[in-house]
Structures are given as C-alpha cells and as structure tokens.
C-alpha cells in the first residue's frame, strides 16, 4: 500500500512539473515581433494608445497612424514600437 501512495505522489509531481515546463515554453512563443501580421481585437480604444487582445493575451497597443480606433474593432498588428504593438 505504501508503494502505491509513493508512486502516486511521484506521478502527480512529475505531471505538475511537465505542465509547468510546457506553459513556460509556450509563453516564449508570443514575443511582440512574433505577433506582427496577427489579427487582434481592440480591447480599450486606441486613441492613439490603448490595448488589444492577440491570441488570447492583452497587449498595449497604439494605432500605427495616430488615429483613433474604437473598441471591439478587428485590427492587424503591423509592427512594434517601444513596448507597444502597432495596429492598423
């Protein structure tokens, strides 16, 4: 019985560790430069700065030409400037 509990505890620990490692690796894929060309939805209006939702994550964004873009508008990420995604 004790061997069963030890095996179960080790298995649960290893599964948890595997999930944590996979989630960390997954986060690295979504750097700002990798998002160029992606479709996004405006979360907070870009006037000219606000936020967008890209691939399920909220990012700070700025309209590429300085114009205002209302919320819930579909935009395309066209670049990166400082810590902002540029949306058009």
Protein backbone atom coordinates (compact mmCIF):
# COMPACT_ATOMS: atom_id res chain seq x y z
CA UNK A 1 0.00 0.00 0.00
CA UNK A 2 2.81 2.41 0.84
CA UNK A 3 4.46 1.78 -2.54
CA UNK A 4 1.20 2.66 -4.26
CA UNK A 5 0.99 6.01 -2.42
CA UNK A 6 4.63 6.86 -3.13
CA UNK A 7 4.18 6.02 -6.82
CA UNK A 8 1.03 8.12 -6.99
CA UNK A 9 2.72 11.10 -5.30
CA UNK A 10 5.74 10.92 -7.66
CA UNK A 11 3.49 10.64 -10.71
CA UNK A 12 1.41 13.65 -9.67
CA UNK A 13 4.57 15.66 -9.03
CA UNK A 14 6.05 14.77 -12.42
CA UNK A 15 2.83 15.63 -14.25
CA UNK A 16 2.71 19.00 -12.48
CA UNK A 17 6.34 19.69 -13.36
CA UNK A 18 5.72 18.77 -17.01
CA UNK A 19 2.71 21.09 -17.22
CA UNK A 20 4.71 23.97 -15.68
CA UNK A 21 7.60 23.48 -18.10
CA UNK A 22 5.30 23.33 -21.13
CA UNK A 23 3.48 26.52 -20.11
CA UNK A 24 6.77 28.40 -19.70
CA UNK A 25 7.92 27.30 -23.15
CA UNK A 26 4.56 28.29 -24.63
CA UNK A 27 4.84 31.86 -23.29
CA UNK A 28 8.13 32.45 -25.07
CA UNK A 29 6.47 31.97 -28.46
CA UNK A 30 4.41 35.15 -28.06
CA UNK A 31 7.04 37.88 -28.23
CA UNK A 32 5.94 41.18 -29.78
CA UNK A 33 7.90 40.58 -33.00
CA UNK A 34 6.20 37.19 -33.46
CA UNK A 35 2.79 38.87 -33.37
CA UNK A 36 3.35 41.03 -36.46
CA UNK A 37 0.75 40.10 -39.07
CA UNK A 38 -1.63 38.67 -36.45
CA UNK A 39 -5.26 39.67 -36.21
CA UNK A 40 -6.36 41.38 -32.98
CA UNK A 41 -9.47 42.83 -31.35
CA UNK A 42 -9.30 46.29 -29.76
CA UNK A 43 -9.94 45.89 -26.02
CA UNK A 44 -9.59 49.53 -24.91
CA UNK A 45 -10.00 52.10 -27.69
CA UNK A 46 -6.77 53.19 -29.37
CA UNK A 47 -6.78 56.98 -29.09
CA UNK A 48 -3.99 56.61 -30.17
CA UNK A 49 -2.92 54.31 -27.28
CA UNK A 50 -4.96 51.53 -25.67
CA UNK A 51 -4.91 47.75 -25.62
CA UNK A 52 -5.66 44.85 -27.93
CA UNK A 53 -6.29 41.13 -27.48
CA UNK A 54 -3.98 39.00 -29.60
CA UNK A 55 -4.05 35.19 -29.37
CA UNK A 56 -5.89 35.41 -26.05
CA UNK A 57 -3.46 37.85 -24.40
CA UNK A 58 -3.93 41.56 -23.70
CA UNK A 59 -1.15 43.79 -25.10
CA UNK A 60 -0.57 47.54 -25.01
CA UNK A 61 -1.10 48.96 -28.49
CA UNK A 62 -1.00 52.16 -30.47
CA UNK A 63 -2.63 52.95 -33.80
CA UNK A 64 0.05 52.97 -36.50
CA UNK A 65 -1.05 56.33 -37.99
CA UNK A 66 -2.10 58.08 -34.77
CA UNK A 67 -5.82 57.84 -35.50
CA UNK A 68 -8.48 56.68 -33.04
CA UNK A 69 -9.75 53.11 -33.35
CA UNK A 70 -12.91 52.24 -31.36
CA UNK A 71 -13.23 49.19 -29.10
CA UNK A 72 -14.22 45.76 -30.44
CA UNK A 73 -12.73 46.60 -33.86
CA UNK A 74 -10.69 43.95 -35.66
CA UNK A 75 -7.19 45.21 -36.47
CA UNK A 76 -3.92 43.79 -37.78
CA UNK A 77 -0.62 44.10 -35.92
CA UNK A 78 1.79 45.82 -38.31
CA UNK A 79 4.81 46.49 -36.09
CA UNK A 80 6.35 47.09 -32.69
CA UNK A 81 7.48 50.42 -31.25
CA UNK A 82 8.98 50.60 -27.76
CA UNK A 83 6.65 48.46 -25.63
CA UNK A 84 3.59 49.00 -27.88
CA UNK A 85 2.21 46.88 -30.69
CA UNK A 86 1.29 48.98 -33.73
CA UNK A 87 -2.20 48.28 -35.05
CA UNK A 88 -3.83 49.19 -38.33
